[in-house]
PDB file of N, CA and C in Angstrom:
ATOM      1  N   UNK A   1      13.856  -6.269  25.288  1.00  0.00           N
ATOM      2  CA  UNK A   1      13.214  -7.102  24.439  1.00  0.00           C
ATOM      3  C   UNK A   1      14.424  -6.757  23.067  1.00  0.00           C
ATOM      4  N   UNK A   2      15.178  -7.732  22.551  1.00  0.00           N
ATOM      5  CA  UNK A   2      15.905  -7.880  21.964  1.00  0.00           C
ATOM      6  C   UNK A   2      15.707  -7.266  20.296  1.00  0.00           C
ATOM      7  N   UNK A   3      14.155  -7.981  20.122  1.00  0.00           N
ATOM      8  CA  UNK A   3      13.418  -7.947  18.969  1.00  0.00           C
ATOM      9  C   UNK A   3      13.497  -6.394  18.906  1.00  0.00           C
ATOM     10  N   UNK A   4      12.807  -5.521  19.375  1.00  0.00           N
ATOM     11  CA  UNK A   4      12.689  -4.057  18.672  1.00  0.00           C
ATOM     12  C   UNK A   4      13.890  -3.943  18.343  1.00  0.00           C
ATOM     13  N   UNK A   5      15.310  -3.995  19.211  1.00  0.00           N
ATOM     14  CA  UNK A   5      16.388  -2.988  18.773  1.00  0.00           C
ATOM     15  C   UNK A   5      16.425  -3.426  17.210  1.00  0.00           C
ATOM     16  N   UNK A   6      16.289  -5.038  16.744  1.00  0.00           N
ATOM     17  CA  UNK A   6      16.713  -5.321  15.788  1.00  0.00           C
ATOM     18  C   UNK A   6      15.575  -4.926  14.663  1.00  0.00           C
ATOM     19  N   UNK A   7      14.480  -4.665  15.158  1.00  0.00           N
ATOM     20  CA  UNK A   7      13.241  -3.664  14.249  1.00  0.00           C
ATOM     21  C   UNK A   7      13.662  -2.050  13.920  1.00  0.00           C
ATOM     22  N   UNK A   8      14.425  -1.518  14.994  1.00  0.00           N
ATOM     23  CA  UNK A   8      14.654  -0.025  14.564  1.00  0.00           C
ATOM     24  C   UNK A   8      16.092  -0.189  13.806  1.00  0.00           C
ATOM     25  N   UNK A   9      16.798  -0.951  13.904  1.00  0.00           N
ATOM     26  CA  UNK A   9      17.958  -1.162  12.990  1.00  0.00           C
ATOM     27  C   UNK A   9      17.276  -1.686  11.476  1.00  0.00           C
ATOM     28  N   UNK A  10      16.426  -2.438  11.027  1.00  0.00           N
ATOM     29  CA  UNK A  10      15.841  -2.457  10.201  1.00  0.00           C
ATOM     30  C   UNK A  10      15.148  -1.271   9.109  1.00  0.00           C
ATOM     31  N   UNK A  11      14.321  -0.881  10.353  1.00  0.00           N
ATOM     32  CA  UNK A  11      13.791   0.433   9.922  1.00  0.00           C
ATOM     33  C   UNK A  11      14.655   1.838   9.528  1.00  0.00           C
ATOM     34  N   UNK A  12      15.707   1.623   9.891  1.00  0.00           N
ATOM     35  CA  UNK A  12      16.620   2.899   9.627  1.00  0.00           C
ATOM     36  C   UNK A  12      17.137   2.192   8.650  1.00  0.00           C
ATOM     37  N   UNK A  13      17.598   1.119   8.365  1.00  0.00           N
ATOM     38  CA  UNK A  13      18.362   0.635   6.936  1.00  0.00           C
ATOM     39  C   UNK A  13      17.241   0.851   5.450  1.00  0.00           C
ATOM     40  N   UNK A  14      15.969   0.977   6.084  1.00  0.00           N
ATOM     41  CA  UNK A  14      14.731   1.024   4.960  1.00  0.00           C
ATOM     42  C   UNK A  14      14.619   2.657   4.768  1.00  0.00           C
ATOM     43  N   UNK A  15      14.978   3.114   5.904  1.00  0.00           N
ATOM     44  CA  UNK A  15      14.982   4.446   5.771  1.00  0.00           C
ATOM     45  C   UNK A  15      16.041   4.879   4.832  1.00  0.00           C
ATOM     46  N   UNK A  16      16.931   4.904   4.391  1.00  0.00           N
ATOM     47  CA  UNK A  16      17.857   5.290   4.135  1.00  0.00           C
ATOM     48  C   UNK A  16      17.545   5.075   2.522  1.00  0.00           C
ATOM     49  N   UNK A  17      17.643   2.896   2.456  1.00  0.00           N
ATOM     50  CA  UNK A  17      17.110   3.057   1.056  1.00  0.00           C
ATOM     51  C   UNK A  17      16.295   3.605   0.419  1.00  0.00           C
ATOM     52  N   UNK A  18      15.207   4.004   0.928  1.00  0.00           N
ATOM     53  CA  UNK A  18      14.030   4.597   0.255  1.00  0.00           C
ATOM     54  C   UNK A  18      14.261   5.967   0.323  1.00  0.00           C
ATOM     55  N   UNK A  19      15.221   6.720   0.707  1.00  0.00           N
ATOM     56  CA  UNK A  19      15.911   7.575   0.695  1.00  0.00           C
ATOM     57  C   UNK A  19      16.344   7.933  -0.219  1.00  0.00           C
ATOM     58  N   UNK A  20      17.887   7.197  -0.620  1.00  0.00           N
ATOM     59  CA  UNK A  20      17.865   6.996  -2.313  1.00  0.00           C
ATOM     60  C   UNK A  20      17.386   6.638  -2.781  1.00  0.00           C
ATOM     61  N   UNK A  21      16.381   5.711  -3.012  1.00  0.00           N
ATOM     62  CA  UNK A  21      15.521   5.538  -4.355  1.00  0.00           C
ATOM     63  C   UNK A  21      14.787   6.958  -4.691  1.00  0.00           C
ATOM     64  N   UNK A  22      14.100   7.753  -3.732  1.00  0.00           N
ATOM     65  CA  UNK A  22      13.382   8.956  -3.977  1.00  0.00           C
ATOM     66  C   UNK A  22      14.271  10.172  -4.532  1.00  0.00           C
ATOM     67  N   UNK A  23      15.581   9.873  -4.288  1.00  0.00           N
ATOM     68  CA  UNK A  23      16.685  10.764  -4.856  1.00  0.00           C
ATOM     69  C   UNK A  23      16.496  10.808  -6.186  1.00  0.00           C
ATOM     70  N   UNK A  24      16.950   8.983  -6.428  1.00  0.00           N
ATOM     71  CA  UNK A  24      17.120   8.740  -7.544  1.00  0.00           C
ATOM     72  C   UNK A  24      15.917   8.963  -8.654  1.00  0.00           C
ATOM     73  N   UNK A  25      15.011   8.575  -8.045  1.00  0.00           N
ATOM     74  CA  UNK A  25      13.658   8.790  -8.784  1.00  0.00           C
ATOM     75  C   UNK A  25      13.865  10.528  -9.000  1.00  0.00           C
ATOM     76  N   UNK A  26      13.518  11.430  -8.450  1.00  0.00           N
ATOM     77  CA  UNK A  26      13.824  13.044  -8.575  1.00  0.00           C
ATOM     78  C   UNK A  26      14.962  13.505  -9.547  1.00  0.00           C
ATOM     79  N   UNK A  27      15.944  12.301  -9.520  1.00  0.00           N
ATOM     80  CA  UNK A  27      16.985  12.635 -10.643  1.00  0.00           C
ATOM     81  C   UNK A  27      16.338  12.837 -11.885  1.00  0.00           C
ATOM     82  N   UNK A  28      16.174  11.566 -12.017  1.00  0.00           N
ATOM     83  CA  UNK A  28      15.448  10.898 -13.316  1.00  0.00           C
ATOM     84  C   UNK A  28      14.428  11.977 -13.890  1.00  0.00           C
ATOM     85  N   UNK A  29      13.573  12.502 -13.127  1.00  0.00           N
ATOM     86  CA  UNK A  29      12.229  12.937 -13.431  1.00  0.00           C
ATOM     87  C   UNK A  29      12.851  14.493 -13.785  1.00  0.00           C
ATOM     88  N   UNK A  30      13.924  14.966 -13.171  1.00  0.00           N
ATOM     89  CA  UNK A  30      14.156  16.171 -13.283  1.00  0.00           C
ATOM     90  C   UNK A  30      15.215  15.913 -14.725  1.00  0.00           C
ATOM     91  N   UNK A  31      15.754  15.223 -14.941  1.00  0.00           N
ATOM     92  CA  UNK A  31      16.863  14.725 -16.084  1.00  0.00           C
ATOM     93  C   UNK A  31      15.597  14.529 -17.292  1.00  0.00           C
ATOM     94  N   UNK A  32      14.786  14.135 -17.127  1.00  0.00           N
ATOM     95  CA  UNK A  32      13.491  13.477 -18.617  1.00  0.00           C
ATOM     96  C   UNK A  32      13.030  14.899 -18.321  1.00  0.00           C
ATOM     97  N   UNK A  33      12.566  15.537 -17.894  1.00  0.00           N
ATOM     98  CA  UNK A  33      12.138  17.413 -17.767  1.00  0.00           C
ATOM     99  C   UNK A  33      13.229  18.120 -18.488  1.00  0.00           C
ATOM    100  N   UNK A  34      14.206  18.215 -18.060  1.00  0.00           N
ATOM    101  CA  UNK A  34      15.265  19.259 -18.958  1.00  0.00           C
ATOM    102  C   UNK A  34      15.549  18.862 -20.232  1.00  0.00           C
ATOM    103  N   UNK A  35      15.819  17.648 -20.349  1.00  0.00           N
ATOM    104  CA  UNK A  35      15.833  16.872 -22.082  1.00  0.00           C
ATOM    105  C   UNK A  35      14.310  17.179 -22.853  1.00  0.00           C
ATOM    106  N   UNK A  36      13.443  16.938 -22.193  1.00  0.00           N
ATOM    107  CA  UNK A  36      11.860  17.295 -23.301  1.00  0.00           C
ATOM    108  C   UNK A  36      11.936  19.032 -23.324  1.00  0.00           C
ATOM    109  N   UNK A  37      12.651  19.823 -22.145  1.00  0.00           N
ATOM    110  CA  UNK A  37      12.083  21.189 -22.775  1.00  0.00           C
ATOM    111  C   UNK A  37      13.072  21.233 -23.864  1.00  0.00           C
ATOM    112  N   UNK A  38      14.546  20.713 -23.446  1.00  0.00           N
ATOM    113  CA  UNK A  38      15.975  21.600 -24.700  1.00  0.00           C
ATOM    114  C   UNK A  38      15.309  20.995 -25.645  1.00  0.00           C
ATOM    115  N   UNK A  39      14.930  19.659 -25.971  1.00  0.00           N
ATOM    116  CA  UNK A  39      14.860  18.900 -27.289  1.00  0.00           C
ATOM    117  C   UNK A  39      13.280  19.866 -27.811  1.00  0.00           C
ATOM    118  N   UNK A  40      12.605  20.105 -26.986  1.00  0.00           N
ATOM    119  CA  UNK A  40      11.314  20.552 -27.902  1.00  0.00           C
ATOM    120  C   UNK A  40      11.915  22.415 -28.128  1.00  0.00           C
TER     121      UNK A  40
END
């Protein structure tokens, strides 16, 4: 089934994209938290 191979590559790309998104959000949250701690 060639469709399953295409689906697999789609999911691996999506997982990589989701992982980078989560890392970006974590860095933003940590940066905001540190900013609040230093400013307060």
